[in-house]
């Protein structure tokens, strides 16, 4: 499945909020520096959807706050 994700880096807490059926807001506690926030995003989403990290990919928006993420179930 593919979902739309709006990422907020450098947040005080990690949180996944479902906005709609295909859209989520994710707050991560890493800075957007050297891909650290993207790596943390994949970890958070894999834990939220209970799948291994190897099943979560950023399809589009690697340098943007708005991303398309694919999760293989």
PDB file of N, CA and C in Angstrom:
ATOM      1  N   UNK A   1       0.838  -1.173   0.000  1.00  0.00           N
ATOM      2  CA  UNK A   1       0.000   0.000   0.000  1.00  0.00           C
ATOM      3  C   UNK A   1       0.881   1.234   0.000  1.00  0.00           C
ATOM      4  N   UNK A   2       0.378   2.301  -0.576  1.00  0.00           N
ATOM      5  CA  UNK A   2       1.083   3.579  -0.591  1.00  0.00           C
ATOM      6  C   UNK A   2       0.291   4.583   0.231  1.00  0.00           C
ATOM      7  N   UNK A   3       1.023   5.355   1.033  1.00  0.00           N
ATOM      8  CA  UNK A   3       0.381   6.377   1.855  1.00  0.00           C
ATOM      9  C   UNK A   3       1.099   7.706   1.653  1.00  0.00           C
ATOM     10  N   UNK A   4       0.371   8.797   1.892  1.00  0.00           N
ATOM     11  CA  UNK A   4       0.956  10.130   1.873  1.00  0.00           C
ATOM     12  C   UNK A   4       1.350  10.472   3.301  1.00  0.00           C
ATOM     13  N   UNK A   5       2.551  11.013   3.464  1.00  0.00           N
ATOM     14  CA  UNK A   5       3.065  11.322   4.795  1.00  0.00           C
ATOM     15  C   UNK A   5       3.577  12.755   4.817  1.00  0.00           C
ATOM     16  N   UNK A   6       3.176  13.475   5.831  1.00  0.00           N
ATOM     17  CA  UNK A   6       3.708  14.816   6.094  1.00  0.00           C
ATOM     18  C   UNK A   6       4.604  14.692   7.324  1.00  0.00           C
ATOM     19  N   UNK A   7       5.881  14.965   7.172  1.00  0.00           N
ATOM     20  CA  UNK A   7       6.857  14.745   8.234  1.00  0.00           C
ATOM     21  C   UNK A   7       7.210  16.062   8.916  1.00  0.00           C
ATOM     22  N   UNK A   8       7.276  16.027  10.232  1.00  0.00           N
ATOM     23  CA  UNK A   8       7.768  17.147  11.019  1.00  0.00           C
ATOM     24  C   UNK A   8       9.044  16.692  11.723  1.00  0.00           C
ATOM     25  N   UNK A   9      10.203  17.120  11.224  1.00  0.00           N
ATOM     26  CA  UNK A   9      11.454  16.718  11.883  1.00  0.00           C
ATOM     27  C   UNK A   9      11.713  17.541  13.136  1.00  0.00           C
ATOM     28  N   UNK A  10      12.619  17.024  13.977  1.00  0.00           N
ATOM     29  CA  UNK A  10      13.075  17.714  15.180  1.00  0.00           C
ATOM     30  C   UNK A  10      11.931  18.031  16.136  1.00  0.00           C
ATOM     31  N   UNK A  11      10.970  17.119  16.250  1.00  0.00           N
ATOM     32  CA  UNK A  11       9.846  17.297  17.167  1.00  0.00           C
ATOM     33  C   UNK A  11      10.241  16.836  18.566  1.00  0.00           C
ATOM     34  N   UNK A  12       9.502  17.258  19.536  1.00  0.00           N
ATOM     35  CA  UNK A  12       9.792  16.869  20.914  1.00  0.00           C
ATOM     36  C   UNK A  12       9.435  15.411  21.176  1.00  0.00           C
ATOM     37  N   UNK A  13       8.416  14.920  20.481  1.00  0.00           N
ATOM     38  CA  UNK A  13       7.983  13.541  20.673  1.00  0.00           C
ATOM     39  C   UNK A  13       7.708  12.882  19.331  1.00  0.00           C
ATOM     40  N   UNK A  14       7.757  11.570  19.322  1.00  0.00           N
ATOM     41  CA  UNK A  14       7.459  10.808  18.113  1.00  0.00           C
ATOM     42  C   UNK A  14       5.972  10.484  18.130  1.00  0.00           C
ATOM     43  N   UNK A  15       5.285  10.812  17.015  1.00  0.00           N
ATOM     44  CA  UNK A  15       3.853  10.567  16.961  1.00  0.00           C
ATOM     45  C   UNK A  15       3.419  10.311  15.529  1.00  0.00           C
ATOM     46  N   UNK A  16       2.510   9.356  15.352  1.00  0.00           N
ATOM     47  CA  UNK A  16       1.899   9.080  14.054  1.00  0.00           C
ATOM     48  C   UNK A  16       0.421   9.394  14.185  1.00  0.00           C
ATOM     49  N   UNK A  17      -0.073  10.314  13.342  1.00  0.00           N
ATOM     50  CA  UNK A  17      -1.470  10.721  13.369  1.00  0.00           C
ATOM     51  C   UNK A  17      -2.090  10.432  12.019  1.00  0.00           C
ATOM     52  N   UNK A  18      -3.220   9.722  12.033  1.00  0.00           N
ATOM     53  CA  UNK A  18      -3.924   9.416  10.790  1.00  0.00           C
ATOM     54  C   UNK A  18      -4.838  10.588  10.455  1.00  0.00           C
ATOM     55  N   UNK A  19      -4.607  11.195   9.284  1.00  0.00           N
ATOM     56  CA  UNK A  19      -5.391  12.349   8.852  1.00  0.00           C
ATOM     57  C   UNK A  19      -6.588  11.879   8.033  1.00  0.00           C
ATOM     58  N   UNK A  20      -6.344  10.947   7.129  1.00  0.00           N
ATOM     59  CA  UNK A  20      -7.405  10.349   6.328  1.00  0.00           C
ATOM     60  C   UNK A  20      -7.016   8.905   6.046  1.00  0.00           C
ATOM     61  N   UNK A  21      -7.757   8.243   5.186  1.00  0.00           N
ATOM     62  CA  UNK A  21      -7.508   6.835   4.883  1.00  0.00           C
ATOM     63  C   UNK A  21      -6.113   6.609   4.294  1.00  0.00           C
ATOM     64  N   UNK A  22      -5.611   7.556   3.519  1.00  0.00           N
ATOM     65  CA  UNK A  22      -4.313   7.405   2.860  1.00  0.00           C
ATOM     66  C   UNK A  22      -3.276   8.418   3.314  1.00  0.00           C
ATOM     67  N   UNK A  23      -3.598   9.244   4.285  1.00  0.00           N
ATOM     68  CA  UNK A  23      -2.717  10.339   4.655  1.00  0.00           C
ATOM     69  C   UNK A  23      -2.407  10.314   6.154  1.00  0.00           C
ATOM     70  N   UNK A  24      -1.123  10.518   6.480  1.00  0.00           N
ATOM     71  CA  UNK A  24      -0.666  10.504   7.865  1.00  0.00           C
ATOM     72  C   UNK A  24       0.241  11.702   8.122  1.00  0.00           C
ATOM     73  N   UNK A  25       0.262  12.151   9.373  1.00  0.00           N
ATOM     74  CA  UNK A  25       1.230  13.135   9.831  1.00  0.00           C
ATOM     75  C   UNK A  25       2.139  12.418  10.817  1.00  0.00           C
ATOM     76  N   UNK A  26       3.443  12.542  10.602  1.00  0.00           N
ATOM     77  CA  UNK A  26       4.410  11.856  11.461  1.00  0.00           C
ATOM     78  C   UNK A  26       5.395  12.875  12.008  1.00  0.00           C
ATOM     79  N   UNK A  27       5.548  12.879  13.329  1.00  0.00           N
ATOM     80  CA  UNK A  27       6.538  13.729  13.980  1.00  0.00           C
ATOM     81  C   UNK A  27       7.680  12.826  14.418  1.00  0.00           C
ATOM     82  N   UNK A  28       8.901  13.216  14.038  1.00  0.00           N
ATOM     83  CA  UNK A  28      10.077  12.433  14.404  1.00  0.00           C
ATOM     84  C   UNK A  28      11.035  13.295  15.228  1.00  0.00           C
ATOM     85  N   UNK A  29      11.817  12.637  16.052  1.00  0.00           N
ATOM     86  CA  UNK A  29      12.709  13.339  16.969  1.00  0.00           C
ATOM     87  C   UNK A  29      14.135  13.451  16.439  1.00  0.00           C
ATOM     88  N   UNK A  30      14.295  13.425  15.137  1.00  0.00           N
ATOM     89  CA  UNK A  30      15.604  13.605  14.495  1.00  0.00           C
ATOM     90  C   UNK A  30      15.581  14.844  13.620  1.00  0.00           C
ATOM     91  N   UNK A  31      16.744  15.456  13.435  1.00  0.00           N
ATOM     92  CA  UNK A  31      16.861  16.615  12.560  1.00  0.00           C
ATOM     93  C   UNK A  31      16.912  16.169  11.108  1.00  0.00           C
ATOM     94  N   UNK A  32      16.502  17.027  10.218  1.00  0.00           N
ATOM     95  CA  UNK A  32      16.558  16.744   8.780  1.00  0.00           C
ATOM     96  C   UNK A  32      17.955  17.053   8.274  1.00  0.00           C
ATOM     97  N   UNK A  33      18.907  16.285   8.715  1.00  0.00           N
ATOM     98  CA  UNK A  33      20.308  16.521   8.409  1.00  0.00           C
ATOM     99  C   UNK A  33      20.947  15.209   7.993  1.00  0.00           C
ATOM    100  N   UNK A  34      21.346  15.102   6.749  1.00  0.00           N
ATOM    101  CA  UNK A  34      22.009  13.895   6.271  1.00  0.00           C
ATOM    102  C   UNK A  34      21.098  12.682   6.189  1.00  0.00           C
ATOM    103  N   UNK A  35      19.803  12.894   6.050  1.00  0.00           N
ATOM    104  CA  UNK A  35      18.876  11.782   5.926  1.00  0.00           C
ATOM    105  C   UNK A  35      18.494  11.127   7.244  1.00  0.00           C
ATOM    106  N   UNK A  36      18.863  11.739   8.360  1.00  0.00           N
ATOM    107  CA  UNK A  36      18.556  11.145   9.666  1.00  0.00           C
ATOM    108  C   UNK A  36      17.060  11.111   9.941  1.00  0.00           C
ATOM    109  N   UNK A  37      16.337  12.162   9.538  1.00  0.00           N
ATOM    110  CA  UNK A  37      14.891  12.198   9.764  1.00  0.00           C
ATOM    111  C   UNK A  37      14.189  11.154   8.896  1.00  0.00           C
ATOM    112  N   UNK A  38      14.662  10.943   7.671  1.00  0.00           N
ATOM    113  CA  UNK A  38      14.067   9.919   6.802  1.00  0.00           C
ATOM    114  C   UNK A  38      14.280   8.526   7.383  1.00  0.00           C
ATOM    115  N   UNK A  39      15.459   8.269   7.896  1.00  0.00           N
ATOM    116  CA  UNK A  39      15.747   6.965   8.500  1.00  0.00           C
ATOM    117  C   UNK A  39      14.844   6.733   9.707  1.00  0.00           C
ATOM    118  N   UNK A  40      14.699   7.761  10.524  1.00  0.00           N
ATOM    119  CA  UNK A  40      13.827   7.653  11.709  1.00  0.00           C
ATOM    120  C   UNK A  40      12.374   7.483  11.300  1.00  0.00           C
ATOM    121  N   UNK A  41      11.959   8.157  10.222  1.00  0.00           N
ATOM    122  CA  UNK A  41      10.595   8.012   9.709  1.00  0.00           C
ATOM    123  C   UNK A  41      10.310   6.558   9.345  1.00  0.00           C
ATOM    124  N   UNK A  42      11.232   5.915   8.648  1.00  0.00           N
ATOM    125  CA  UNK A  42      11.037   4.516   8.265  1.00  0.00           C
ATOM    126  C   UNK A  42      10.953   3.612   9.493  1.00  0.00           C
ATOM    127  N   UNK A  43      11.750   3.899  10.508  1.00  0.00           N
ATOM    128  CA  UNK A  43      11.690   3.119  11.749  1.00  0.00           C
ATOM    129  C   UNK A  43      10.337   3.287  12.437  1.00  0.00           C
ATOM    130  N   UNK A  44       9.862   4.516  12.509  1.00  0.00           N
ATOM    131  CA  UNK A  44       8.596   4.807  13.184  1.00  0.00           C
ATOM    132  C   UNK A  44       7.431   4.155  12.451  1.00  0.00           C
ATOM    133  N   UNK A  45       7.420   4.268  11.110  1.00  0.00           N
ATOM    134  CA  UNK A  45       6.329   3.673  10.340  1.00  0.00           C
ATOM    135  C   UNK A  45       6.361   2.154  10.397  1.00  0.00           C
ATOM    136  N   UNK A  46       7.543   1.553  10.396  1.00  0.00           N
ATOM    137  CA  UNK A  46       7.604   0.092  10.478  1.00  0.00           C
ATOM    138  C   UNK A  46       7.071  -0.391  11.824  1.00  0.00           C
ATOM    139  N   UNK A  47       7.350   0.351  12.878  1.00  0.00           N
ATOM    140  CA  UNK A  47       6.826  -0.016  14.194  1.00  0.00           C
ATOM    141  C   UNK A  47       5.315   0.197  14.257  1.00  0.00           C
ATOM    142  N   UNK A  48       4.832   1.295  13.673  1.00  0.00           N
ATOM    143  CA  UNK A  48       3.402   1.608  13.701  1.00  0.00           C
ATOM    144  C   UNK A  48       2.582   0.563  12.942  1.00  0.00           C
ATOM    145  N   UNK A  49       3.068   0.153  11.768  1.00  0.00           N
ATOM    146  CA  UNK A  49       2.332  -0.814  10.951  1.00  0.00           C
ATOM    147  C   UNK A  49       2.737  -2.259  11.243  1.00  0.00           C
ATOM    148  N   UNK A  50       3.673  -2.451  12.178  1.00  0.00           N
ATOM    149  CA  UNK A  50       4.121  -3.780  12.608  1.00  0.00           C
ATOM    150  C   UNK A  50       4.663  -4.612  11.449  1.00  0.00           C
ATOM    151  N   UNK A  51       5.557  -3.999  10.677  1.00  0.00           N
ATOM    152  CA  UNK A  51       6.252  -4.686   9.586  1.00  0.00           C
ATOM    153  C   UNK A  51       7.752  -4.436   9.758  1.00  0.00           C
ATOM    154  N   UNK A  52       8.609  -5.285   9.171  1.00  0.00           N
ATOM    155  CA  UNK A  52      10.047  -5.033   9.242  1.00  0.00           C
ATOM    156  C   UNK A  52      10.431  -3.752   8.507  1.00  0.00           C
ATOM    157  N   UNK A  53      11.535  -3.134   8.927  1.00  0.00           N
ATOM    158  CA  UNK A  53      11.995  -1.890   8.292  1.00  0.00           C
ATOM    159  C   UNK A  53      12.300  -2.088   6.815  1.00  0.00           C
ATOM    160  N   UNK A  54      12.654  -3.302   6.435  1.00  0.00           N
ATOM    161  CA  UNK A  54      12.983  -3.576   5.033  1.00  0.00           C
ATOM    162  C   UNK A  54      11.750  -3.545   4.135  1.00  0.00           C
ATOM    163  N   UNK A  55      10.550  -3.467   4.708  1.00  0.00           N
ATOM    164  CA  UNK A  55       9.305  -3.439   3.935  1.00  0.00           C
ATOM    165  C   UNK A  55       8.746  -2.035   3.766  1.00  0.00           C
ATOM    166  N   UNK A  56       9.475  -1.013   4.234  1.00  0.00           N
ATOM    167  CA  UNK A  56       9.010   0.375   4.173  1.00  0.00           C
ATOM    168  C   UNK A  56       9.992   1.184   3.323  1.00  0.00           C
ATOM    169  N   UNK A  57       9.478   1.841   2.271  1.00  0.00           N
ATOM    170  CA  UNK A  57      10.312   2.592   1.334  1.00  0.00           C
ATOM    171  C   UNK A  57       9.725   3.975   1.090  1.00  0.00           C
ATOM    172  N   UNK A  58      10.591   4.961   0.902  1.00  0.00           N
ATOM    173  CA  UNK A  58      10.147   6.281   0.452  1.00  0.00           C
ATOM    174  C   UNK A  58      10.169   6.258  -1.069  1.00  0.00           C
ATOM    175  N   UNK A  59       8.999   6.407  -1.674  1.00  0.00           N
ATOM    176  CA  UNK A  59       8.868   6.357  -3.126  1.00  0.00           C
ATOM    177  C   UNK A  59       9.149   7.720  -3.736  1.00  0.00           C
ATOM    178  N   UNK A  60       8.614   8.765  -3.120  1.00  0.00           N
ATOM    179  CA  UNK A  60       8.757  10.118  -3.658  1.00  0.00           C
ATOM    180  C   UNK A  60       8.872  11.112  -2.507  1.00  0.00           C
ATOM    181  N   UNK A  61       9.686  12.137  -2.684  1.00  0.00           N
ATOM    182  CA  UNK A  61       9.798  13.206  -1.700  1.00  0.00           C
ATOM    183  C   UNK A  61      10.921  13.022  -0.712  1.00  0.00           C
ATOM    184  N   UNK A  62      12.020  12.459  -1.146  1.00  0.00           N
ATOM    185  CA  UNK A  62      13.135  12.175  -0.235  1.00  0.00           C
ATOM    186  C   UNK A  62      13.670  13.445   0.430  1.00  0.00           C
ATOM    187  N   UNK A  63      13.575  14.594  -0.251  1.00  0.00           N
ATOM    188  CA  UNK A  63      14.061  15.863   0.312  1.00  0.00           C
ATOM    189  C   UNK A  63      12.926  16.822   0.663  1.00  0.00           C
ATOM    190  N   UNK A  64      11.715  16.312   0.711  1.00  0.00           N
ATOM    191  CA  UNK A  64      10.547  17.132   0.983  1.00  0.00           C
ATOM    192  C   UNK A  64       9.883  16.683   2.284  1.00  0.00           C
ATOM    193  N   UNK A  65       9.082  17.537   2.867  1.00  0.00           N
ATOM    194  CA  UNK A  65       8.308  17.151   4.047  1.00  0.00           C
ATOM    195  C   UNK A  65       7.117  16.279   3.660  1.00  0.00           C
ATOM    196  N   UNK A  66       6.636  16.462   2.427  1.00  0.00           N
ATOM    197  CA  UNK A  66       5.521  15.662   1.927  1.00  0.00           C
ATOM    198  C   UNK A  66       6.081  14.495   1.140  1.00  0.00           C
ATOM    199  N   UNK A  67       5.769  13.290   1.556  1.00  0.00           N
ATOM    200  CA  UNK A  67       6.347  12.095   0.971  1.00  0.00           C
ATOM    201  C   UNK A  67       5.268  11.093   0.587  1.00  0.00           C
ATOM    202  N   UNK A  68       5.619  10.208  -0.346  1.00  0.00           N
ATOM    203  CA  UNK A  68       4.819   9.040  -0.647  1.00  0.00           C
ATOM    204  C   UNK A  68       5.645   7.854  -0.151  1.00  0.00           C
ATOM    205  N   UNK A  69       5.057   7.061   0.731  1.00  0.00           N
ATOM    206  CA  UNK A  69       5.743   5.934   1.328  1.00  0.00           C
ATOM    207  C   UNK A  69       5.008   4.650   0.948  1.00  0.00           C
ATOM    208  N   UNK A  70       5.775   3.656   0.537  1.00  0.00           N
ATOM    209  CA  UNK A  70       5.191   2.354   0.212  1.00  0.00           C
ATOM    210  C   UNK A  70       5.506   1.373   1.315  1.00  0.00           C
ATOM    211  N   UNK A  71       4.455   0.672   1.750  1.00  0.00           N
ATOM    212  CA  UNK A  71       4.591  -0.336   2.803  1.00  0.00           C
ATOM    213  C   UNK A  71       4.134  -1.655   2.224  1.00  0.00           C
ATOM    214  N   UNK A  72       5.044  -2.620   2.191  1.00  0.00           N
ATOM    215  CA  UNK A  72       4.726  -3.936   1.675  1.00  0.00           C
ATOM    216  C   UNK A  72       4.288  -4.819   2.833  1.00  0.00           C
ATOM    217  N   UNK A  73       3.063  -5.289   2.759  1.00  0.00           N
ATOM    218  CA  UNK A  73       2.519  -6.126   3.841  1.00  0.00           C
ATOM    219  C   UNK A  73       2.734  -7.595   3.560  1.00  0.00           C
TER     220      UNK A  73
END
